[in-house]
Amino acid sequence: MSCAVLGLEGAIIQVEIDIAPGLPSFAIVGLPDAAVQESRERVRAAIRNSGLAFPMKRLTVNLAPADLRKEGPAYDLPIAVGILLASEQIQADAEDSLFVGELSLDGSVRHSDGVLPMISVGREKGYRRVFVPASDAPEAALIRDLEIIPVASLAELVGHLRGEVIIAPFAADPERLAPLDPVYPMDFAHVRGQEHVKRALEVAAAGSHNVLMSGPPGAGKTLLARALPSILPRMTIEEALEVTKIYSVNGLLPPETPLILQRPFRSPHHTISHAGLVGGGRWPRPGEISLAHRGVLFLDELPEFGQQGLEVLRQPLEDRIITISRAQGSLTFPANFMLVGAMNPCPCGFWGDPVKECTCSPPLVSRYQKRISGPLLDRIDIHVEVPRVEYEKLAGDGYSEPSEAIRARVERAREVQRRRFTGTRFSANADMGPAEVRTYCELDDPGRSLLRAAMQQMQMSARAFHRVLKLARTIADLVGEEGITTAHLAEAIQYRPRRVQ
């Protein structure tokens, strides 16, 4: 028995071997791709170079179910073990075991992508033992209640199955999985000035809200965005497993890091393709928005991204998932990320700057800003201006408030939200729907009057109405208030966008 990966989920695969008299041949059936077809040569060489005999007969391998496409080299090890069992070179009971791994020509077992979802489905289906490459054993051990056997080579596995040299099960080191204090490359203490922008990012981090920063070149937009992960709350074990599964399937999991404990920060270039951003391909794979799951997707120079790529972000920003449909079927990937965008106010970058004169005409400024559509802007909760930093602030000796102090406030606010949404699928205020907004974002009479006036003057949509309330709820959570006051609501309203007419 082995396992396939469909999207981010595993599926059990039965490897059947038939050895029949006739001219020597080796056929693999069951909808294999090119990598699986090439396993014939790898398996043949690995068996011979491990001191075993490859049967010179008519050999047929079936990967069932036959209507499920098989990808990748992870079937090498189960095919080799099946051939050795069918040719009676080894005798073992493998009914309750899964085999996963790619073989080298010398018989050593190499890393395979997607081990975590494979092992996860194995536990769900009742398997008790899993044979995986030795390099993937720490990742496989994240799934509890399974016996993980790390296999370094085919010869070693044969000795284990024969009972000659027993391979000890892998024991996970609990210290490696403990939530450590991560080391962040950027800290808010080193960002001079921009206190109102830091406040906006603190509110965004506390409620997982989307942010758009606009300002002249060199004002610190990129620096502030890269410092944002340092104030985000630590991931829970459940969130860490979700992120690790995505990176495991994409082959991006570092060998020395079986479990990703830091929130992802993805910053794709504006030349990225549509499929690279949201996921896709003939056989869909997760894109940047899924790799940023539970973390930050930073789009620098936002207007420079392709129109199609930006517009396709609308649905994931609402639903927190992305569904990719192809002729063969549909796959759904998680996409619960914070969108952080940065842009200049005009092509030259200095529209509205008090020091350097803008060289762009008003129609050009308007046309540039309208590259980002109104529906997409409506889905961004916080719009904040990032002005030029004055010399006195840049040359000062003091430090700003460190990220650690801001993160403590953010984690307290997130804990309030965690208790509020216990038993639901929500984890932060930004995830709330209209029903939850009505329940948790009640306003008093002065608050209703203020919001009514703001809706009329700013021509806010129903979506913007709900987003203002969710933002006000987060601001109240940051200061530990049960109700939303007019001060919280006023701060939320001033984060709405202002565009060139």
Protein backbone atom coordinates (compact mmCIF):
# COMPACT_ATOMS: atom_id res chain seq x y z
CA MET A 1 0.00 0.00 0.00
CA SER A 2 1.15 3.54 -0.82
CA CYS A 3 -0.38 7.00 -1.07
CA ALA A 4 -1.05 9.73 -3.64
CA VAL A 5 -1.58 13.45 -3.09
CA LEU A 6 -4.57 15.24 -4.62
CA GLY A 7 -4.30 18.95 -3.98
CA LEU A 8 -3.50 18.97 -0.25
CA GLU A 9 -5.18 15.67 0.62
CA GLY A 10 -3.87 12.12 0.50
CA ALA A 11 -5.45 9.08 -1.18
CA ILE A 12 -4.54 5.44 -0.52
CA ILE A 13 -3.03 3.60 -3.49
CA GLN A 14 -2.80 -0.20 -3.76
CA VAL A 15 0.30 -1.43 -5.61
CA GLU A 16 -0.43 -4.80 -7.24
CA ILE A 17 2.32 -6.94 -8.76
CA ASP A 18 1.90 -9.81 -11.22
CA ILE A 19 4.83 -11.97 -12.31
CA ALA A 20 3.99 -14.23 -15.26
CA PRO A 21 6.03 -16.49 -17.55
CA GLY A 22 7.10 -15.00 -20.84
CA LEU A 23 9.64 -12.66 -22.37
CA PRO A 24 11.13 -10.22 -19.83
CA SER A 25 9.08 -7.01 -19.69
CA PHE A 26 8.11 -4.43 -17.12
CA ALA A 27 4.82 -2.50 -17.49
CA ILE A 28 3.18 -0.02 -15.11
CA VAL A 29 -0.55 0.66 -15.51
CA GLY A 30 -3.05 2.70 -13.51
CA LEU A 31 -2.75 6.20 -15.08
CA PRO A 32 0.91 6.87 -14.18
CA ASP A 33 2.69 10.06 -15.28
CA ALA A 34 6.18 10.18 -16.80
CA ALA A 35 7.92 10.18 -13.39
CA VAL A 36 6.07 7.00 -12.38
CA GLN A 37 6.84 5.33 -15.74
CA GLU A 38 10.54 6.10 -15.24
CA SER A 39 10.47 4.27 -11.92
CA ARG A 40 10.88 1.03 -13.90
CA GLU A 41 14.56 1.78 -14.48
CA ARG A 42 15.13 3.10 -10.96
CA VAL A 43 13.49 0.07 -9.34
CA ARG A 44 15.35 -2.40 -11.57
CA ALA A 45 18.75 -0.83 -10.82
CA ALA A 46 18.00 -0.38 -7.09
CA ILE A 47 17.03 -4.05 -6.64
CA ARG A 48 20.14 -5.30 -8.45
CA ASN A 49 22.49 -2.89 -6.66
CA SER A 50 21.06 -3.94 -3.30
CA GLY A 51 22.27 -7.51 -3.81
CA LEU A 52 18.85 -8.87 -4.80
CA ALA A 53 17.55 -10.53 -7.97
CA PHE A 54 15.27 -8.75 -10.39
CA PRO A 55 12.84 -11.34 -11.89
CA MET A 56 13.46 -11.77 -15.64
CA LYS A 57 9.82 -12.52 -16.47
CA ARG A 58 6.69 -10.70 -17.63
CA LEU A 59 6.18 -8.13 -14.86
CA THR A 60 3.00 -6.02 -14.52
CA VAL A 61 2.46 -3.33 -11.87
CA ASN A 62 -1.03 -1.93 -11.31
CA LEU A 63 -1.60 1.22 -9.27
CA ALA A 64 -5.20 1.08 -8.06
CA PRO A 65 -7.63 2.82 -8.24
CA ALA A 66 -6.80 3.01 -11.95
CA ASP A 67 -8.85 6.16 -12.65
CA LEU A 68 -6.75 8.30 -10.26
CA ARG A 69 -3.73 9.96 -11.83
CA LYS A 70 -0.42 9.00 -10.15
CA GLU A 71 2.37 11.60 -10.05
CA GLY A 72 5.93 11.72 -8.78
CA PRO A 73 8.58 9.18 -7.81
CA ALA A 74 7.17 8.28 -4.36
CA TYR A 75 5.91 4.91 -5.69
CA ASP A 76 9.45 3.55 -6.24
CA LEU A 77 9.74 2.00 -2.78
CA PRO A 78 6.30 0.29 -2.70
CA ILE A 79 6.84 -1.08 -6.24
CA ALA A 80 10.25 -2.50 -5.26
CA VAL A 81 8.87 -4.07 -2.06
CA GLY A 82 5.93 -5.51 -4.03
CA ILE A 83 8.26 -7.11 -6.57
CA LEU A 84 10.40 -8.65 -3.81
CA LEU A 85 7.29 -10.00 -2.06
CA ALA A 86 5.82 -11.38 -5.31
CA SER A 87 9.13 -13.06 -6.23
CA GLU A 88 9.32 -14.51 -2.68
CA GLN A 89 12.71 -12.98 -1.94
CA ILE A 90 11.18 -11.62 1.25
CA GLN A 91 8.21 -12.79 3.28
CA ALA A 92 6.45 -10.28 5.49
CA ASP A 93 2.99 -9.14 6.52
CA ALA A 94 2.60 -5.65 5.06
CA GLU A 95 -1.19 -5.37 5.28
CA ASP A 96 -1.18 -2.63 7.94
CA SER A 97 1.79 -0.70 6.51
CA LEU A 98 2.27 2.15 4.04
CA PHE A 99 5.41 2.55 1.89
CA VAL A 100 6.51 5.92 0.49
CA GLY A 101 9.83 6.91 -1.04
CA GLU A 102 11.93 7.55 -4.14
CA LEU A 103 14.79 5.16 -4.93
CA SER A 104 18.26 6.06 -6.18
CA LEU A 105 20.03 3.70 -8.56
CA ASP A 106 22.24 2.44 -5.71
CA GLY A 107 19.18 1.53 -3.61
CA SER A 108 19.23 4.49 -1.21
CA VAL A 109 15.87 6.08 -0.40
CA ARG A 110 15.46 9.78 -1.18
CA HIS A 111 13.14 12.57 0.00
CA SER A 112 9.55 12.66 -1.29
CA ASP A 113 7.22 15.69 -1.42
CA GLY A 114 3.86 15.62 0.34
CA VAL A 115 4.77 13.18 3.12
CA LEU A 116 2.63 14.98 5.72
CA PRO A 117 -0.76 14.64 3.91
CA MET A 118 0.15 11.05 2.98
CA ILE A 119 0.81 10.07 6.58
CA SER A 120 -2.27 11.96 7.74
CA VAL A 121 -4.62 9.96 5.49
CA GLY A 122 -2.81 6.75 6.52
CA ARG A 123 -3.75 7.35 10.15
CA GLU A 124 -7.35 8.15 9.18
CA LYS A 125 -7.60 4.85 7.26
CA GLY A 126 -6.34 2.82 10.20
CA TYR A 127 -2.77 1.97 9.16
CA ARG A 128 -0.40 1.41 12.07
CA ARG A 129 3.04 1.55 10.43
CA VAL A 130 4.59 3.78 7.76
CA PHE A 131 7.92 3.28 5.99
CA VAL A 132 9.28 6.65 4.84
CA PRO A 133 12.67 8.04 3.71
CA ALA A 134 14.93 8.67 6.70
CA SER A 135 15.16 12.37 5.77
CA ASP A 136 11.35 12.67 5.95
CA ALA A 137 10.90 10.88 9.29
CA PRO A 138 10.79 14.11 11.41
CA GLU A 139 8.03 15.46 9.17
CA ALA A 140 6.09 12.17 9.28
CA ALA A 141 6.39 12.05 13.09
CA LEU A 142 4.19 15.16 13.35
CA ILE A 143 1.25 12.77 12.93
CA ARG A 144 0.68 10.99 16.24
CA ASP A 145 -0.35 7.38 16.93
CA LEU A 146 1.65 5.91 14.05
CA GLU A 147 4.85 3.88 14.01
CA ILE A 148 7.27 5.73 11.72
CA ILE A 149 10.06 3.54 10.28
CA PRO A 150 12.89 5.64 8.74
CA VAL A 151 14.35 3.84 5.72
CA ALA A 152 17.82 4.79 4.48
CA SER A 153 18.16 2.14 1.75
CA LEU A 154 16.30 -0.72 0.11
CA ALA A 155 18.83 -3.23 1.46
CA GLU A 156 18.23 -1.98 5.00
CA LEU A 157 14.46 -2.30 4.54
CA VAL A 158 14.82 -5.86 3.22
CA GLY A 159 16.90 -6.77 6.27
CA HIS A 160 14.18 -5.30 8.50
CA LEU A 161 11.36 -7.19 6.76
CA ARG A 162 13.37 -10.43 6.95
CA GLY A 163 13.91 -9.83 10.67
CA GLU A 164 17.71 -9.74 10.32
CA VAL A 165 18.39 -6.09 11.29
CA ILE A 166 15.44 -4.30 12.88
CA ILE A 167 15.10 -0.57 12.13
CA ALA A 168 14.16 1.32 15.28
CA PRO A 169 11.00 3.46 14.95
CA PHE A 170 11.64 7.19 14.74
CA ALA A 171 11.12 9.01 18.03
CA ALA A 172 10.14 12.67 17.64
CA ASP A 173 12.15 15.22 19.61
CA PRO A 174 9.55 17.33 21.46
CA GLU A 175 12.01 20.21 21.82
CA ARG A 176 12.14 20.61 18.02
CA LEU A 177 8.37 21.09 17.91
CA ALA A 178 8.13 23.49 20.84
CA PRO A 179 7.01 27.02 19.88
CA LEU A 180 10.28 28.90 20.03
CA ASP A 181 10.68 32.67 19.97
CA PRO A 182 11.34 33.25 16.27
CA VAL A 183 14.09 35.55 15.07
CA TYR A 184 12.68 38.29 12.84
CA PRO A 185 14.86 40.12 10.30
CA MET A 186 12.98 43.39 10.85
CA ASP A 187 11.80 45.06 14.07
CA PHE A 188 9.51 48.06 14.48
CA ALA A 189 12.08 49.54 16.89
CA HIS A 190 14.31 50.29 13.88
CA VAL A 191 11.60 52.06 11.86
CA ARG A 192 11.91 55.82 12.42
CA GLY A 193 8.74 57.90 12.44
CA GLN A 194 5.54 56.71 10.74
CA GLU A 195 3.80 56.20 14.09
CA HIS A 196 0.31 56.36 12.57
CA VAL A 197 1.28 53.66 10.02
CA LYS A 198 2.59 51.44 12.81
CA ARG A 199 -0.72 51.93 14.60
CA ALA A 200 -2.61 50.90 11.45
CA LEU A 201 -0.44 47.77 11.07
CA GLU A 202 -0.99 46.92 14.75
CA VAL A 203 -4.76 47.08 14.21
CA ALA A 204 -4.40 44.98 11.05
CA ALA A 205 -2.34 42.33 12.86
CA ALA A 206 -4.80 42.22 15.77
CA GLY A 207 -7.76 41.37 13.53
CA SER A 208 -6.08 39.90 10.40
CA HIS A 209 -7.26 42.83 8.27
CA ASN A 210 -5.99 43.73 4.79
CA VAL A 211 -3.85 46.87 4.39
CA LEU A 212 -2.91 49.19 1.53
CA MET A 213 -0.07 51.68 2.07
CA SER A 214 0.39 54.60 -0.31
CA GLY A 215 3.24 57.10 -0.32
CA PRO A 216 6.28 58.50 -2.16
CA PRO A 217 9.33 56.35 -2.96
CA GLY A 218 11.65 55.74 -0.01
CA ALA A 219 9.09 56.57 2.70
CA GLY A 220 9.41 53.12 4.29
CA LYS A 221 6.43 51.16 2.90
CA THR A 222 8.42 48.01 2.12
CA LEU A 223 10.34 48.20 5.40
CA LEU A 224 7.10 48.46 7.39
CA ALA A 225 5.57 45.53 5.50
CA ARG A 226 8.61 43.34 6.11
CA ALA A 227 8.49 44.22 9.82
CA LEU A 228 4.81 43.22 10.04
CA PRO A 229 5.47 39.47 10.75
CA SER A 230 7.35 40.50 13.92
CA ILE A 231 4.09 41.72 15.52
CA LEU A 232 1.85 38.87 14.36
CA PRO A 233 0.78 36.37 17.05
CA ARG A 234 2.49 32.97 17.20
CA MET A 235 0.78 30.21 15.27
CA THR A 236 -1.14 27.50 17.07
CA ILE A 237 -0.14 23.87 16.42
CA GLU A 238 -3.23 23.42 14.22
CA GLU A 239 -2.27 26.45 12.11
CA ALA A 240 1.35 25.27 11.90
CA LEU A 241 0.23 21.86 10.59
CA GLU A 242 -1.98 23.53 7.96
CA VAL A 243 0.94 25.64 6.70
CA THR A 244 3.42 22.75 6.87
CA LYS A 245 1.11 20.57 4.74
CA ILE A 246 1.02 23.21 1.97
CA TYR A 247 4.81 23.60 1.95
CA SER A 248 5.29 19.82 2.06
CA VAL A 249 3.14 19.31 -1.06
CA ASN A 250 5.02 22.08 -2.90
CA GLY A 251 8.42 20.66 -1.93
CA LEU A 252 9.35 23.86 -0.08
CA LEU A 253 9.73 22.38 3.41
CA PRO A 254 13.35 22.83 4.61
CA PRO A 255 14.95 19.48 5.61
CA GLU A 256 15.93 20.81 9.04
CA THR A 257 12.41 22.22 9.71
CA PRO A 258 9.80 19.45 10.02
CA LEU A 259 7.19 21.91 11.33
CA ILE A 260 6.87 25.54 10.20
CA LEU A 261 6.39 27.67 13.32
CA GLN A 262 6.76 31.15 11.81
CA ARG A 263 3.94 32.78 9.92
CA PRO A 264 4.67 32.84 6.17
CA PHE A 265 5.64 36.09 4.46
CA ARG A 266 5.35 35.87 0.67
CA SER A 267 6.41 38.75 -1.57
CA PRO A 268 6.02 37.80 -5.26
CA HIS A 269 7.32 40.09 -8.02
CA HIS A 270 4.75 41.96 -10.08
CA THR A 271 5.71 39.92 -13.18
CA ILE A 272 4.29 36.76 -11.58
CA SER A 273 1.88 34.78 -13.73
CA HIS A 274 -1.78 34.30 -12.95
CA ALA A 275 -1.22 30.60 -12.11
CA GLY A 276 1.79 31.44 -9.96
CA LEU A 277 -0.25 33.86 -7.87
CA VAL A 278 -3.47 31.92 -7.25
CA GLY A 279 -2.35 28.39 -8.14
CA GLY A 280 -3.01 26.32 -11.22
CA GLY A 281 -1.28 24.36 -13.92
CA ARG A 282 -2.55 21.34 -15.81
CA TRP A 283 -2.52 19.50 -12.50
CA PRO A 284 -3.26 22.33 -10.05
CA ARG A 285 -0.68 23.23 -7.43
CA PRO A 286 -0.98 25.83 -4.64
CA GLY A 287 0.03 29.37 -5.63
CA GLU A 288 1.44 32.28 -3.64
CA ILE A 289 -1.90 33.06 -1.97
CA SER A 290 -1.97 29.52 -0.52
CA LEU A 291 1.71 29.65 0.44
CA ALA A 292 0.81 32.81 2.41
CA HIS A 293 -1.96 30.94 4.30
CA ARG A 294 -2.07 32.07 7.95
CA GLY A 295 0.55 34.70 7.12
CA VAL A 296 1.15 37.77 4.93
CA LEU A 297 0.95 38.21 1.16
CA PHE A 298 2.87 41.41 0.35
CA LEU A 299 2.30 42.90 -3.11
CA ASP A 300 4.81 45.70 -3.62
CA GLU A 301 4.09 48.19 -6.42
CA LEU A 302 0.49 46.98 -6.47
CA PRO A 303 -0.66 48.86 -9.64
CA GLU A 304 2.10 47.14 -11.63
CA PHE A 305 0.52 43.69 -11.16
CA GLY A 306 -1.56 42.42 -14.06
CA GLN A 307 -5.23 43.33 -14.03
CA GLN A 308 -6.36 39.69 -14.25
CA GLY A 309 -4.11 38.65 -11.36
CA LEU A 310 -5.42 41.41 -9.10
CA GLU A 311 -9.09 40.83 -9.91
CA VAL A 312 -8.81 37.10 -9.20
CA LEU A 313 -7.89 38.02 -5.60
CA ARG A 314 -11.45 39.20 -4.95
CA GLN A 315 -12.97 35.79 -4.20
CA PRO A 316 -10.14 34.48 -1.95
CA LEU A 317 -10.23 37.71 0.08
CA GLU A 318 -13.90 37.02 0.85
CA ASP A 319 -14.06 33.22 1.10
CA ARG A 320 -10.52 32.51 2.42
CA ILE A 321 -10.21 29.61 -0.05
CA ILE A 322 -9.40 29.30 -3.77
CA THR A 323 -11.06 26.69 -5.99
CA ILE A 324 -9.27 25.78 -9.23
CA SER A 325 -11.34 23.91 -11.81
CA ARG A 326 -9.95 21.86 -14.67
CA ALA A 327 -11.47 19.33 -17.06
CA GLN A 328 -10.33 16.51 -14.76
CA GLY A 329 -12.03 18.05 -11.70
CA SER A 330 -11.77 20.80 -9.09
CA LEU A 331 -9.33 21.27 -6.23
CA THR A 332 -9.70 23.66 -3.30
CA PHE A 333 -6.72 25.20 -1.52
CA PRO A 334 -6.77 27.31 1.67
CA ALA A 335 -6.05 31.03 1.25
CA ASN A 336 -6.61 32.69 4.62
CA PHE A 337 -3.96 35.40 4.37
CA MET A 338 -3.45 39.08 5.20
CA LEU A 339 -3.09 41.10 2.02
CA VAL A 340 -0.60 43.96 2.40
CA GLY A 341 -0.19 46.20 -0.63
CA ALA A 342 2.18 49.10 -1.25
CA MET A 343 1.91 51.66 -4.02
CA ASN A 344 3.00 55.11 -5.11
CA PRO A 345 0.20 57.70 -5.45
CA CYS A 346 1.14 58.40 -9.10
CA PRO A 347 3.62 57.22 -11.78
CA CYS A 348 6.38 59.60 -10.63
CA GLY A 349 5.54 58.86 -7.00
CA PHE A 350 5.30 62.42 -5.63
CA TRP A 351 1.65 63.41 -6.00
CA GLY A 352 0.69 65.24 -2.80
CA ASP A 353 4.30 65.38 -1.54
CA PRO A 354 5.03 68.68 0.28
CA VAL A 355 8.72 68.79 -0.75
CA LYS A 356 9.11 67.43 -4.29
CA GLU A 357 6.76 68.56 -7.02
CA CYS A 358 4.71 65.96 -8.91
CA THR A 359 5.23 65.94 -12.70
CA CYS A 360 2.05 63.96 -13.47
CA SER A 361 -1.14 65.51 -14.82
CA PRO A 362 -4.37 64.95 -12.84
CA PRO A 363 -5.83 62.59 -15.51
CA LEU A 364 -2.61 60.53 -15.40
CA VAL A 365 -2.77 60.32 -11.58
CA SER A 366 -6.42 59.26 -11.72
CA ARG A 367 -5.74 56.68 -14.42
CA TYR A 368 -2.81 55.25 -12.44
CA GLN A 369 -4.80 54.90 -9.23
CA LYS A 370 -7.71 53.33 -11.10
CA ARG A 371 -5.51 50.41 -12.13
CA ILE A 372 -6.72 48.98 -8.82
CA SER A 373 -10.44 48.46 -9.23
CA GLY A 374 -13.06 49.73 -6.81
CA PRO A 375 -14.29 46.21 -5.88
CA LEU A 376 -10.75 45.20 -4.87
CA LEU A 377 -10.19 48.39 -2.88
CA ASP A 378 -13.53 47.78 -1.16
CA ARG A 379 -12.14 44.49 0.20
CA ILE A 380 -9.15 46.21 1.82
CA ASP A 381 -10.02 47.32 5.36
CA ILE A 382 -7.18 49.76 6.08
CA HIS A 383 -5.93 52.45 3.66
CA VAL A 384 -3.09 54.49 5.10
CA GLU A 385 -0.85 57.24 3.76
CA VAL A 386 2.91 56.84 4.33
CA PRO A 387 4.44 60.36 4.09
CA ARG A 388 8.07 61.40 3.71
CA VAL A 389 10.10 61.02 6.95
CA GLU A 390 11.64 64.22 8.30
CA TYR A 391 15.39 64.54 8.91
CA GLU A 392 15.00 65.05 12.68
CA LYS A 393 13.28 61.68 13.05
CA LEU A 394 15.77 59.86 10.84
CA ALA A 395 18.81 61.31 12.63
CA GLY A 396 17.44 60.90 16.16
CA ASP A 397 19.20 58.65 18.67
CA GLY A 398 16.14 57.04 20.27
CA TYR A 399 14.41 53.81 19.31
CA SER A 400 10.72 53.32 18.61
CA GLU A 401 8.54 50.84 20.49
CA PRO A 402 9.91 47.32 19.88
CA SER A 403 7.89 44.67 18.05
CA GLU A 404 7.79 42.49 21.16
CA ALA A 405 5.68 45.05 23.06
CA ILE A 406 3.31 45.52 20.13
CA ARG A 407 3.03 41.74 19.64
CA ALA A 408 1.98 41.34 23.28
CA ARG A 409 -0.99 43.68 22.70
CA VAL A 410 -1.86 41.91 19.45
CA GLU A 411 -1.80 38.49 21.13
CA ARG A 412 -4.09 39.73 23.92
CA ALA A 413 -6.57 40.97 21.30
CA ARG A 414 -6.34 37.67 19.39
CA GLU A 415 -6.99 35.74 22.62
CA VAL A 416 -10.20 37.75 23.10
CA GLN A 417 -11.23 36.81 19.56
CA ARG A 418 -10.29 33.16 20.09
CA ARG A 419 -12.62 32.98 23.09
CA ARG A 420 -15.33 34.84 21.18
CA PHE A 421 -15.26 32.43 18.24
CA THR A 422 -14.86 29.18 20.21
CA GLY A 423 -16.71 26.41 18.40
CA THR A 424 -16.83 28.27 15.06
CA ARG A 425 -14.64 28.23 11.96
CA PHE A 426 -13.51 31.82 12.59
CA SER A 427 -10.16 32.74 14.14
CA ALA A 428 -10.09 36.56 13.81
CA ASN A 429 -12.49 39.48 13.44
CA ALA A 430 -11.76 39.84 9.72
CA ASP A 431 -13.30 36.37 9.14
CA MET A 432 -16.74 37.37 10.46
CA GLY A 433 -19.81 37.25 8.23
CA PRO A 434 -22.87 39.53 8.37
CA ALA A 435 -24.55 37.40 11.07
CA GLU A 436 -21.50 37.60 13.36
CA VAL A 437 -21.14 41.35 12.71
CA ARG A 438 -24.74 41.84 13.84
CA THR A 439 -24.05 39.80 17.00
CA TYR A 440 -20.65 41.13 18.08
CA CYS A 441 -20.53 44.68 16.62
CA GLU A 442 -23.50 46.41 18.20
CA LEU A 443 -23.38 50.22 18.30
CA ASP A 444 -24.94 52.74 20.67
CA ASP A 445 -27.01 55.69 19.40
CA PRO A 446 -24.06 58.11 18.92
CA GLY A 447 -22.21 55.36 17.05
CA ARG A 448 -25.15 54.74 14.71
CA SER A 449 -25.42 58.47 13.97
CA LEU A 450 -21.71 58.68 13.18
CA LEU A 451 -21.78 55.65 10.90
CA ARG A 452 -24.92 56.90 9.10
CA ALA A 453 -23.23 60.24 8.37
CA ALA A 454 -20.05 58.50 7.19
CA MET A 455 -21.96 56.19 4.83
CA GLN A 456 -23.75 59.14 3.24
CA GLN A 457 -20.67 61.33 2.85
CA MET A 458 -18.23 58.58 1.75
CA GLN A 459 -20.81 56.63 -0.31
CA MET A 460 -19.80 53.36 1.36
CA SER A 461 -21.09 50.04 0.07
CA ALA A 462 -22.71 47.37 2.24
CA ARG A 463 -19.38 45.51 2.24
CA ALA A 464 -17.56 48.64 3.42
CA PHE A 465 -20.21 49.08 6.13
CA HIS A 466 -19.48 45.62 7.53
CA ARG A 467 -15.72 46.06 7.21
CA VAL A 468 -15.81 49.30 9.19
CA LEU A 469 -17.70 47.52 11.98
CA LYS A 470 -15.23 44.62 12.01
CA LEU A 471 -12.34 47.06 12.15
CA ALA A 472 -13.98 48.97 15.02
CA ARG A 473 -14.45 45.66 16.85
CA THR A 474 -10.70 44.96 16.54
CA ILE A 475 -9.78 48.44 17.79
CA ALA A 476 -12.04 47.90 20.82
CA ASP A 477 -10.43 44.47 21.44
CA LEU A 478 -6.96 46.08 21.45
CA VAL A 479 -7.91 48.26 24.41
CA GLY A 480 -9.98 45.54 26.10
CA GLU A 481 -13.36 47.22 25.67
CA GLU A 482 -16.54 45.12 25.59
CA GLY A 483 -18.51 47.63 23.48
CA ILE A 484 -17.64 49.72 20.44
CA THR A 485 -17.49 53.44 21.23
CA THR A 486 -17.57 56.41 18.85
CA ALA A 487 -13.78 56.79 19.25
CA HIS A 488 -13.22 53.21 17.98
CA LEU A 489 -15.67 53.78 15.14
CA ALA A 490 -14.09 57.10 14.16
CA GLU A 491 -10.64 55.50 13.89
CA ALA A 492 -12.06 52.69 11.75
CA ILE A 493 -13.80 55.16 9.42
CA GLN A 494 -10.65 57.22 8.86
CA TYR A 495 -8.95 54.12 7.42
CA ARG A 496 -11.38 54.09 4.44
CA PRO A 497 -9.87 55.10 1.05
CA ARG A 498 -9.77 58.52 -0.55
CA ARG A 499 -9.27 58.57 -4.29
CA VAL A 500 -8.50 61.22 -6.91
CA GLN A 501 -11.74 62.34 -8.58
